[in-house]
Amino acid sequence: MWAFHTPQPTQPPSLFNPPRTPPKLPSSSLTLNPSISNSTPNHNQLIQSLCKQGDLKQAFKLLSREPNPSQRTYEVLILSCADQNSLSLAQSLHSHISENGFDQDPFLVTKLISMYAALDSLDDARKVFDKTRKRTIFVWNALFRALTLAGFGEEVLGLYRKMNRIGLPSDRFTYTYVLKACVASECMVSLLNKGKEIHAHILRHGLEGYVHIMTTLVDMYARFGCVAHASFVFEKMPVRNVVSWSAMMACYAKNGKPFEALELFREMMIETQDSAPNSVTMVSVLQACAALSALEQGKLVHAYILRRGLDSVLPVISALITMYARCGELELGQRIFDRMEKRDVVSWNSLISSYGLHGYGKKAMQIFQEMIHQGVSPSPITFVSVLGACSHAGLAEEGKKLFDSMRKEHGIHPSVEHYACMVDLLGRANRLEEAAKIIDEMRIEPGAKVWGSLLGSCRIHCNVELAERASHRLFQLEPHSAGNYVLLADIYAEAEMWDDVKRVRKLLETRSLQKVAGRSWIEVRRKMYSFVSVDEPNPQIELIQSLLIKLAAEMKEKGYSPQTKVVLYDLDESEKERILLGHSEKLAVAFGLINTKKGETIRITKNLRLCEDCHSFTKFISKFTNKEILVRDVNRFHHFQNGVCSCGDYW
């Protein structure tokens, strides 16, 4: 703590320094103890005690009678103003500090900046910084932290450049704040490059031994989707703690690598005997189980959570609800929700999105209304969840009313995600012109998500004109995304515009873009198996292929007709049928038929949208083999039973 001995100036009367009239004492008192009139009681300890008791107003009254407030007293008062969320008292205290000459105390300046940040008054925090003549690294760090938490990442990076120009060295906390600033707002390529520069700074100054800096680096790369970079940093870390492991697991779980997340969790459990996984770790592990529909793995993780006593942590419970729903056990998720003593908006969002994923749009809307009735204010994510539920269930009019209520009833301004949901909602319902009109009338830049929703809807309904318009914008916004080219080629193929199919495929080749391979996962006896194509190494591959050929031949006699239009190559029908039998979900279904017991449900996860042929094939399989098959694709759940799918062929 800084020690200061500042002479006290004579102060004019104010709120804290009212004019004081010395008490009239009897002459006998003056005679007996002449020193009484010159003594001044010290109220510092009492002021601090009142603050700790939460009696801030009484502390302020006493402050007005204290001529020599200490640095510690001011610090405690600053913290109390933030704790009690009182901006007016905070500003009055700031004035008192300035009047007493403490406004240039670097220690108190950092506390003032943090106080104003906690009170959402960043303008006041900036003013404190601007008026400080001697800015230590702690003062800079305080403002960096405040601005980063508020999402002003680019402003932080601008100030960081200014700090470097004046030659003030960074400390280890500076690096964590500026790395977080790179992802505090939009994750732009320019900010990724800035993050890489900061990474180089860290290495040049030999700071790679600080675990919190390297963990922040992992998180920064993860948020940009740079999984390889994050993994490289993690592997090179000389020391790791539970936060480091959790950050890397979250990186895998949130960037489409759930299998790797579970493998890393197993590795952590083996290597770290002294530090047990925390609630953040378990959320990432549950997300990985959910992504893979790994029900048995998820149950084991749930048991571990119960043993560790983490089942009262709200984010963990919400992740459990989502995990069970995404593994096809919606009732288990509902049961966990029903047993919750306290529910936050995240818990409600988990349940709403769970029903939406299974196609129960009306139930999702019912839960939304119940949440409002119980006094829980919806968040922007709530509307993403409930609009998505309406989209999967084909509830276009209901979705439009919900969208309109966002601003009118709940004061939430629609974001790009909400507009993307609306375009998807109307597009799936074959109201494409209406969806295009929404884009035209948007007050914000549509972005790739909105145009991607329109292109996906054009794929469902084979609207070439709007598909060309959407893809033109997507090629500008996401020049390296092969998926947009593939979708456009699919649309041309369905329209039998083969020259245009060749043109788009040529674009893919010249730009060296690789289509994302279809991948399916299946869990059998608590082990995960992955399938990509017929070339995928699997000891049972010959048995799988022969079973598929046999089933396809027998099902053709029962009415199954291969949907060869999904094959974009100009080949004869038999060759197209052979390619269709190599789709990853068919391989996973066959593997499940071979390796599961009678009456056991087959659970499969697909990383892309289920193609029309695989959908038709699986319906026939469920009836032909009397098997219940759950397939979750990138959009929703498909519950196949007795030749019928829960989606009603609307996906």
Foldseek 3Di string as FASTA:
>chain_A
DDADDDDFDDDDADPLAHDDDQDDDDVVVCVVPVCVSVDADACQVVLLVCLVVLNLVVSSNVSSRHRDHGPVSLLSSLVSCLVVLPPVVLVVSQVVCVNRPNLQVQVVLLSSLLSCLSNVNNVVNVVSLVPHPDHALSSLLSNLQSCLQVLNLVVNVVVVVVCVVVPHDHDLSSLLSNLSSLVSHPVDPVSVVVNVVSVVVCVVVVNLQDASNLLSSLLSCLSNLNLVSSVVSLVPHPDYALSSLLSNLLSCLVNVNLVVSLVSVVVCVVPDPPHDHDLSSLLSNLSSLLQQLLVVVLVVSVVVCVVVVVLLPQSNLLSNLLSCLSNVNNVVSVVSLVPHPDHALSSLLSNLLSCLQALNLVVSVVSVVVCVVVPHQHDLSSLLRNLSSCQLNLVLVVNVVSQVCCCVPRNHDDDLSNLLSNLLSCLLNVNLVVNVVSCVPDPDHNALSNLVSSLVSCLVVLDLVSLVVSLVVNCVRPVQQVVSLLSNLLSCLVVVVLVVNVVSVVSCVVVVHDHDFKKKWWAAPSDIDMAGWLPDDDPCSVVLLVVLVVLVVVVVVVPQDAPLSSDSDPDDPVVSVSRVCGHNVSSQVSVCVVRDDPPDEIEMEIAADDDPRNVQSVLSVQQVVVHWYWYRYPRHIWTHHNSDTSSNPRD
